[in-house]
Amino acid sequence: MTALRLAMIDAAADSRSAAWDVVWHETIDQGEAVMGSETLLPWLATVCAGFSIREREKALVLAGLIAVDTVDPERGRYAGEIAVLRALTVENLVAGASDERMFVYLQQAVLGFDGDDTWGRRLDLINDGEAGVECPSCEAELL
């Protein structure tokens, strides 16, 4: 069994497990989901549904990063799981995020579930006080 599969078993049992670091490391590389990570969406939907609101925050953020990088036809294949994860994330936002930074990460996750290629990837930059984005009209880089 791979290190990722073993980590997934441990992570599913405990939202505070160090195994989540392995899951993140194996699925996200420099802010982008590695190829094939979309296959974790059903598992993430099940795990997040079983966690309490506070326990599932980081897993929802991970799911949002994976979802925004999921392309057709996989996006259609996992539409049900993406919808569940989005609904859980909105539930977390309504209940109130654990802190201001997590509020931004959860909002970014919602945008990732919606397929927003810009803000689903970059909204978290405002946690550092600024965000560099490309103008959709002229393609100039703006800060």
N, C-alpha and C. Protein backbone atom coordinates (compact mmCIF):
# COMPACT_ATOMS: atom_id res chain seq x y z
N MET A 1 0.85 -1.18 0.00
CA MET A 1 0.00 0.00 0.00
C MET A 1 0.90 1.24 0.00
N THR A 2 0.54 2.23 -0.81
CA THR A 2 1.36 3.43 -0.92
C THR A 2 1.28 4.29 0.34
N ALA A 3 2.26 5.18 0.47
CA ALA A 3 2.28 6.09 1.62
C ALA A 3 1.02 6.96 1.63
N LEU A 4 0.56 7.35 0.46
CA LEU A 4 -0.65 8.17 0.38
C LEU A 4 -1.86 7.40 0.90
N ARG A 5 -2.02 6.16 0.49
CA ARG A 5 -3.17 5.35 0.93
C ARG A 5 -3.15 5.14 2.44
N LEU A 6 -1.97 4.87 2.99
CA LEU A 6 -1.86 4.70 4.44
C LEU A 6 -2.18 6.01 5.16
N ALA A 7 -1.70 7.12 4.61
CA ALA A 7 -1.99 8.43 5.21
C ALA A 7 -3.48 8.72 5.16
N MET A 8 -4.13 8.34 4.06
CA MET A 8 -5.57 8.59 3.93
C MET A 8 -6.35 7.85 5.01
N ILE A 9 -5.94 6.65 5.34
CA ILE A 9 -6.61 5.89 6.39
C ILE A 9 -6.48 6.60 7.73
N ASP A 10 -5.26 7.03 8.05
CA ASP A 10 -5.03 7.75 9.30
C ASP A 10 -5.74 9.10 9.32
N ALA A 11 -5.69 9.83 8.21
CA ALA A 11 -6.30 11.16 8.14
C ALA A 11 -7.81 11.07 8.30
N ALA A 12 -8.43 10.05 7.74
CA ALA A 12 -9.88 9.90 7.84
C ALA A 12 -10.32 9.68 9.27
N ALA A 13 -9.45 9.12 10.07
CA ALA A 13 -9.79 8.83 11.46
C ALA A 13 -9.63 10.04 12.38
N ASP A 14 -8.77 10.99 11.98
CA ASP A 14 -8.47 12.11 12.87
C ASP A 14 -8.09 13.34 12.05
N SER A 15 -8.88 14.38 12.15
CA SER A 15 -8.62 15.60 11.37
C SER A 15 -7.33 16.30 11.79
N ARG A 16 -6.82 15.98 12.96
CA ARG A 16 -5.58 16.60 13.44
C ARG A 16 -4.35 15.72 13.22
N SER A 17 -4.54 14.60 12.55
CA SER A 17 -3.45 13.67 12.30
C SER A 17 -2.38 14.29 11.41
N ALA A 18 -1.13 13.96 11.69
CA ALA A 18 -0.02 14.39 10.83
C ALA A 18 -0.13 13.77 9.44
N ALA A 19 -0.96 12.76 9.30
CA ALA A 19 -1.16 12.13 7.99
C ALA A 19 -1.73 13.11 6.98
N TRP A 20 -2.44 14.14 7.43
CA TRP A 20 -2.96 15.15 6.50
C TRP A 20 -1.83 15.86 5.77
N ASP A 21 -0.68 16.01 6.45
CA ASP A 21 0.48 16.62 5.78
C ASP A 21 0.93 15.77 4.60
N VAL A 22 0.89 14.45 4.77
CA VAL A 22 1.26 13.54 3.68
C VAL A 22 0.26 13.66 2.54
N VAL A 23 -1.03 13.69 2.88
CA VAL A 23 -2.06 13.81 1.85
C VAL A 23 -1.87 15.11 1.07
N TRP A 24 -1.65 16.22 1.76
CA TRP A 24 -1.40 17.50 1.09
C TRP A 24 -0.18 17.41 0.20
N HIS A 25 0.92 16.90 0.76
CA HIS A 25 2.18 16.83 0.03
C HIS A 25 2.07 15.97 -1.23
N GLU A 26 1.31 14.92 -1.17
CA GLU A 26 1.17 14.01 -2.31
C GLU A 26 0.18 14.50 -3.36
N THR A 27 -0.67 15.48 -3.01
CA THR A 27 -1.70 15.92 -3.95
C THR A 27 -1.53 17.36 -4.44
N ILE A 28 -0.82 18.19 -3.69
CA ILE A 28 -0.65 19.59 -4.06
C ILE A 28 0.84 19.89 -4.18
N ASP A 29 1.24 20.43 -5.32
CA ASP A 29 2.63 20.81 -5.56
C ASP A 29 2.67 22.26 -5.99
N GLN A 30 3.25 23.11 -5.17
CA GLN A 30 3.34 24.54 -5.42
C GLN A 30 1.99 25.15 -5.77
N GLY A 31 0.98 24.79 -4.99
CA GLY A 31 -0.35 25.37 -5.13
C GLY A 31 -1.23 24.74 -6.19
N GLU A 32 -0.73 23.74 -6.90
CA GLU A 32 -1.53 23.09 -7.94
C GLU A 32 -1.67 21.61 -7.65
N ALA A 33 -2.83 21.07 -7.97
CA ALA A 33 -3.08 19.64 -7.76
C ALA A 33 -2.28 18.83 -8.77
N VAL A 34 -1.67 17.76 -8.28
CA VAL A 34 -0.94 16.88 -9.19
C VAL A 34 -1.94 16.05 -9.98
N MET A 35 -1.53 15.61 -11.16
CA MET A 35 -2.40 14.83 -12.02
C MET A 35 -2.93 13.60 -11.27
N GLY A 36 -4.21 13.38 -11.39
CA GLY A 36 -4.85 12.24 -10.74
C GLY A 36 -5.43 12.54 -9.37
N SER A 37 -5.16 13.73 -8.83
CA SER A 37 -5.66 14.06 -7.49
C SER A 37 -7.18 14.10 -7.41
N GLU A 38 -7.83 14.33 -8.56
CA GLU A 38 -9.30 14.38 -8.56
C GLU A 38 -9.91 13.07 -8.08
N THR A 39 -9.16 11.98 -8.15
CA THR A 39 -9.69 10.70 -7.67
C THR A 39 -9.89 10.70 -6.16
N LEU A 40 -9.33 11.69 -5.47
CA LEU A 40 -9.52 11.80 -4.01
C LEU A 40 -10.82 12.52 -3.65
N LEU A 41 -11.48 13.15 -4.61
CA LEU A 41 -12.68 13.92 -4.29
C LEU A 41 -13.78 13.08 -3.62
N PRO A 42 -14.07 11.87 -4.08
CA PRO A 42 -15.09 11.07 -3.36
C PRO A 42 -14.68 10.78 -1.92
N TRP A 43 -13.42 10.45 -1.71
CA TRP A 43 -12.92 10.19 -0.36
C TRP A 43 -13.04 11.45 0.50
N LEU A 44 -12.62 12.60 -0.04
CA LEU A 44 -12.71 13.85 0.71
C LEU A 44 -14.16 14.20 1.05
N ALA A 45 -15.07 13.97 0.13
CA ALA A 45 -16.49 14.26 0.41
C ALA A 45 -16.99 13.40 1.57
N THR A 46 -16.62 12.13 1.58
CA THR A 46 -17.05 11.23 2.66
C THR A 46 -16.42 11.63 3.99
N VAL A 47 -15.11 11.87 3.97
CA VAL A 47 -14.40 12.23 5.20
C VAL A 47 -14.93 13.54 5.77
N CYS A 48 -15.06 14.55 4.92
CA CYS A 48 -15.53 15.86 5.38
C CYS A 48 -16.94 15.78 5.95
N ALA A 49 -17.79 14.99 5.35
CA ALA A 49 -19.16 14.84 5.85
C ALA A 49 -19.16 14.22 7.24
N GLY A 50 -18.16 13.40 7.55
CA GLY A 50 -18.08 12.76 8.86
C GLY A 50 -17.42 13.59 9.94
N PHE A 51 -16.71 14.64 9.54
CA PHE A 51 -16.04 15.51 10.50
C PHE A 51 -16.99 16.62 10.96
N SER A 52 -16.70 17.17 12.14
CA SER A 52 -17.46 18.33 12.61
C SER A 52 -17.05 19.54 11.77
N ILE A 53 -17.78 20.62 11.91
CA ILE A 53 -17.51 21.84 11.13
C ILE A 53 -16.06 22.29 11.29
N ARG A 54 -15.55 22.37 12.50
CA ARG A 54 -14.17 22.84 12.72
C ARG A 54 -13.15 21.81 12.23
N GLU A 55 -13.45 20.54 12.36
CA GLU A 55 -12.51 19.50 11.97
C GLU A 55 -12.29 19.45 10.46
N ARG A 56 -13.27 19.86 9.68
CA ARG A 56 -13.17 19.67 8.24
C ARG A 56 -12.63 20.87 7.47
N GLU A 57 -12.32 21.96 8.13
CA GLU A 57 -11.88 23.16 7.42
C GLU A 57 -10.71 22.91 6.47
N LYS A 58 -9.62 22.38 6.96
CA LYS A 58 -8.43 22.21 6.13
C LYS A 58 -8.66 21.20 5.01
N ALA A 59 -9.44 20.17 5.28
CA ALA A 59 -9.74 19.18 4.25
C ALA A 59 -10.58 19.81 3.14
N LEU A 60 -11.48 20.72 3.49
CA LEU A 60 -12.29 21.40 2.48
C LEU A 60 -11.42 22.31 1.61
N VAL A 61 -10.45 22.97 2.23
CA VAL A 61 -9.53 23.82 1.47
C VAL A 61 -8.74 22.96 0.48
N LEU A 62 -8.27 21.82 0.93
CA LEU A 62 -7.56 20.89 0.04
C LEU A 62 -8.47 20.47 -1.12
N ALA A 63 -9.69 20.12 -0.81
CA ALA A 63 -10.64 19.69 -1.85
C ALA A 63 -10.88 20.80 -2.86
N GLY A 64 -10.96 22.05 -2.41
CA GLY A 64 -11.15 23.18 -3.32
C GLY A 64 -9.97 23.34 -4.27
N LEU A 65 -8.76 23.14 -3.75
CA LEU A 65 -7.57 23.24 -4.61
C LEU A 65 -7.54 22.12 -5.64
N ILE A 66 -7.99 20.95 -5.25
CA ILE A 66 -8.06 19.84 -6.20
C ILE A 66 -9.15 20.11 -7.24
N ALA A 67 -10.30 20.58 -6.78
CA ALA A 67 -11.44 20.80 -7.69
C ALA A 67 -11.13 21.83 -8.76
N VAL A 68 -10.46 22.92 -8.39
CA VAL A 68 -10.19 23.97 -9.37
C VAL A 68 -9.26 23.46 -10.48
N ASP A 69 -8.44 22.47 -10.17
CA ASP A 69 -7.54 21.90 -11.18
C ASP A 69 -8.14 20.70 -11.90
N THR A 70 -9.36 20.33 -11.55
CA THR A 70 -10.01 19.20 -12.20
C THR A 70 -10.66 19.67 -13.50
N VAL A 71 -10.31 19.03 -14.59
CA VAL A 71 -10.80 19.43 -15.91
C VAL A 71 -11.80 18.42 -16.43
N ASP A 72 -12.55 18.85 -17.45
CA ASP A 72 -13.50 17.93 -18.10
C ASP A 72 -12.71 16.80 -18.73
N PRO A 73 -13.19 15.60 -18.77
CA PRO A 73 -14.49 15.12 -18.29
C PRO A 73 -14.51 14.74 -16.81
N GLU A 74 -13.35 14.79 -16.14
CA GLU A 74 -13.31 14.42 -14.73
C GLU A 74 -14.20 15.31 -13.88
N ARG A 75 -14.28 16.58 -14.23
CA ARG A 75 -15.12 17.50 -13.46
C ARG A 75 -16.58 17.03 -13.49
N GLY A 76 -17.03 16.56 -14.66
CA GLY A 76 -18.38 16.00 -14.76
C GLY A 76 -18.52 14.70 -14.00
N ARG A 77 -17.49 13.87 -14.05
CA ARG A 77 -17.52 12.59 -13.34
C ARG A 77 -17.65 12.77 -11.83
N TYR A 78 -17.02 13.82 -11.30
CA TYR A 78 -17.03 14.07 -9.86
C TYR A 78 -17.97 15.21 -9.46
N ALA A 79 -18.91 15.54 -10.31
CA ALA A 79 -19.82 16.67 -10.05
C ALA A 79 -20.59 16.49 -8.75
N GLY A 80 -21.03 15.29 -8.46
CA GLY A 80 -21.78 15.04 -7.23
C GLY A 80 -20.93 15.30 -6.00
N GLU A 81 -19.70 14.81 -6.01
CA GLU A 81 -18.80 15.01 -4.88
C GLU A 81 -18.43 16.48 -4.73
N ILE A 82 -18.19 17.15 -5.86
CA ILE A 82 -17.87 18.58 -5.81
C ILE A 82 -19.04 19.35 -5.21
N ALA A 83 -20.26 18.99 -5.57
CA ALA A 83 -21.44 19.66 -5.02
C ALA A 83 -21.55 19.43 -3.51
N VAL A 84 -21.28 18.22 -3.06
CA VAL A 84 -21.31 17.93 -1.62
C VAL A 84 -20.25 18.75 -0.89
N LEU A 85 -19.04 18.76 -1.42
CA LEU A 85 -17.95 19.51 -0.80
C LEU A 85 -18.25 21.01 -0.78
N ARG A 86 -18.83 21.52 -1.85
CA ARG A 86 -19.19 22.94 -1.89
C ARG A 86 -20.22 23.26 -0.82
N ALA A 87 -21.25 22.40 -0.70
CA ALA A 87 -22.30 22.61 0.31
C ALA A 87 -21.71 22.57 1.73
N LEU A 88 -20.81 21.66 1.99
CA LEU A 88 -20.16 21.60 3.30
C LEU A 88 -19.34 22.85 3.57
N THR A 89 -18.68 23.37 2.53
CA THR A 89 -17.88 24.58 2.69
C THR A 89 -18.77 25.79 2.97
N VAL A 90 -19.87 25.90 2.27
CA VAL A 90 -20.82 26.98 2.54
C VAL A 90 -21.36 26.86 3.96
N GLU A 91 -21.64 25.64 4.39
CA GLU A 91 -22.09 25.43 5.77
C GLU A 91 -21.05 25.93 6.75
N ASN A 92 -19.78 25.67 6.48
CA ASN A 92 -18.71 26.16 7.35
C ASN A 92 -18.67 27.69 7.36
N LEU A 93 -18.84 28.30 6.20
CA LEU A 93 -18.82 29.76 6.14
C LEU A 93 -19.99 30.37 6.91
N VAL A 94 -21.15 29.77 6.79
CA VAL A 94 -22.33 30.27 7.51
C VAL A 94 -22.12 30.13 9.02
N ALA A 95 -21.53 29.02 9.44
CA ALA A 95 -21.28 28.79 10.87
C ALA A 95 -20.18 29.69 11.40
N GLY A 96 -19.31 30.16 10.50
CA GLY A 96 -18.20 31.02 10.90
C GLY A 96 -16.90 30.25 10.90
N ALA A 97 -15.95 30.73 10.14
CA ALA A 97 -14.64 30.10 10.06
C ALA A 97 -13.90 30.26 11.38
N SER A 98 -12.90 29.42 11.60
CA SER A 98 -12.15 29.46 12.86
C SER A 98 -11.35 30.75 13.03
N ASP A 99 -10.97 31.38 11.92
CA ASP A 99 -10.29 32.68 11.98
C ASP A 99 -10.44 33.39 10.63
N GLU A 100 -9.94 34.62 10.57
CA GLU A 100 -10.09 35.43 9.35
C GLU A 100 -9.38 34.81 8.15
N ARG A 101 -8.22 34.24 8.37
CA ARG A 101 -7.46 33.64 7.27
C ARG A 101 -8.22 32.43 6.72
N MET A 102 -8.76 31.60 7.62
CA MET A 102 -9.50 30.43 7.18
C MET A 102 -10.76 30.84 6.43
N PHE A 103 -11.37 31.97 6.81
CA PHE A 103 -12.53 32.48 6.08
C PHE A 103 -12.18 32.69 4.61
N VAL A 104 -11.00 33.28 4.35
CA VAL A 104 -10.55 33.51 2.97
C VAL A 104 -10.30 32.18 2.27
N TYR A 105 -9.64 31.26 2.95
CA TYR A 105 -9.36 29.95 2.34
C TYR A 105 -10.64 29.21 1.99
N LEU A 106 -11.64 29.28 2.87
CA LEU A 106 -12.91 28.61 2.59
C LEU A 106 -13.64 29.27 1.43
N GLN A 107 -13.58 30.60 1.36
CA GLN A 107 -14.19 31.29 0.21
C GLN A 107 -13.48 30.88 -1.08
N GLN A 108 -12.16 30.77 -1.03
CA GLN A 108 -11.40 30.32 -2.20
C GLN A 108 -11.83 28.91 -2.60
N ALA A 109 -12.06 28.05 -1.61
CA ALA A 109 -12.49 26.68 -1.90
C ALA A 109 -13.82 26.69 -2.65
N VAL A 110 -14.77 27.52 -2.22
CA VAL A 110 -16.06 27.61 -2.91
C VAL A 110 -15.83 28.01 -4.37
N LEU A 111 -14.98 28.99 -4.58
CA LEU A 111 -14.68 29.42 -5.95
C LEU A 111 -14.00 28.31 -6.74
N GLY A 112 -13.17 27.52 -6.07
CA GLY A 112 -12.55 26.37 -6.72
C GLY A 112 -13.57 25.32 -7.12
N PHE A 113 -14.54 25.07 -6.25
CA PHE A 113 -15.60 24.12 -6.58
C PHE A 113 -16.42 24.63 -7.75
N ASP A 114 -16.56 25.95 -7.85
CA ASP A 114 -17.31 26.56 -8.95
C ASP A 114 -16.50 26.60 -10.25
N GLY A 115 -15.22 26.28 -10.18
CA GLY A 115 -14.38 26.27 -11.37
C GLY A 115 -13.79 27.63 -11.72
N ASP A 116 -13.80 28.57 -10.79
CA ASP A 116 -13.24 29.90 -11.03
C ASP A 116 -11.71 29.79 -11.09
N ASP A 117 -11.17 29.86 -12.30
CA ASP A 117 -9.76 29.62 -12.51
C ASP A 117 -8.86 30.70 -11.92
N THR A 118 -9.36 31.90 -11.72
CA THR A 118 -8.55 32.97 -11.14
C THR A 118 -8.65 32.96 -9.62
N TRP A 119 -9.81 33.25 -9.08
CA TRP A 119 -9.96 33.40 -7.63
C TRP A 119 -10.00 32.06 -6.91
N GLY A 120 -10.32 31.00 -7.61
CA GLY A 120 -10.25 29.68 -7.00
C GLY A 120 -8.82 29.24 -6.73
N ARG A 121 -7.88 29.94 -7.32
CA ARG A 121 -6.45 29.66 -7.13
C ARG A 121 -5.74 30.73 -6.31
N ARG A 122 -6.22 31.98 -6.39
CA ARG A 122 -5.42 33.09 -5.89
C ARG A 122 -6.06 33.94 -4.81
N LEU A 123 -7.27 33.68 -4.41
CA LEU A 123 -7.91 34.53 -3.41
C LEU A 123 -7.11 34.57 -2.12
N ASP A 124 -6.44 33.48 -1.77
CA ASP A 124 -5.68 33.43 -0.53
C ASP A 124 -4.54 34.44 -0.48
N LEU A 125 -4.16 35.01 -1.63
CA LEU A 125 -3.11 36.02 -1.63
C LEU A 125 -3.50 37.25 -0.81
N ILE A 126 -4.78 37.51 -0.67
CA ILE A 126 -5.19 38.67 0.13
C ILE A 126 -4.89 38.46 1.62
N ASN A 127 -4.65 37.21 2.02
CA ASN A 127 -4.23 36.98 3.40
C ASN A 127 -2.87 37.62 3.67
N ASP A 128 -2.09 37.84 2.62
CA ASP A 128 -0.80 38.51 2.74
C ASP A 128 -0.89 39.99 2.41
N GLY A 129 -2.10 40.48 2.15
CA GLY A 129 -2.31 41.91 1.94
C GLY A 129 -2.41 42.36 0.51
N GLU A 130 -2.15 41.48 -0.45
CA GLU A 130 -2.25 41.89 -1.85
C GLU A 130 -2.41 40.65 -2.73
N ALA A 131 -2.87 40.91 -3.93
CA ALA A 131 -3.03 39.80 -4.88
C ALA A 131 -2.67 40.29 -6.28
N GLY A 132 -1.83 39.55 -6.94
CA GLY A 132 -1.50 39.85 -8.32
C GLY A 132 -2.40 39.03 -9.23
N VAL A 133 -3.11 39.70 -10.11
CA VAL A 133 -4.02 39.02 -11.03
C VAL A 133 -3.87 39.60 -12.43
N GLU A 134 -4.34 38.86 -13.39
CA GLU A 134 -4.30 39.30 -14.78
C GLU A 134 -5.64 39.96 -15.12
N CYS A 135 -5.58 41.13 -15.76
CA CYS A 135 -6.78 41.81 -16.21
C CYS A 135 -7.45 40.96 -17.29
N PRO A 136 -8.75 40.65 -17.13
CA PRO A 136 -9.41 39.82 -18.13
C PRO A 136 -9.58 40.52 -19.48
N SER A 137 -9.50 41.85 -19.51
CA SER A 137 -9.66 42.58 -20.77
C SER A 137 -8.36 42.73 -21.54
N CYS A 138 -7.32 43.21 -20.85
CA CYS A 138 -6.07 43.52 -21.54
C CYS A 138 -4.93 42.56 -21.21
N GLU A 139 -5.17 41.66 -20.29
CA GLU A 139 -4.19 40.64 -19.86
C GLU A 139 -2.97 41.23 -19.16
N ALA A 140 -3.04 42.49 -18.72
CA ALA A 140 -1.94 43.09 -17.97
C ALA A 140 -1.94 42.54 -16.55
N GLU A 141 -0.76 42.37 -15.98
CA GLU A 141 -0.64 41.91 -14.61
C GLU A 141 -0.92 43.08 -13.66
N LEU A 142 -1.85 42.90 -12.76
CA LEU A 142 -2.25 43.95 -11.82
C LEU A 142 -1.98 43.49 -10.40
N LEU A 143 -1.71 44.42 -9.51
CA LEU A 143 -1.47 44.11 -8.11
C LEU A 143 -2.51 44.78 -7.26
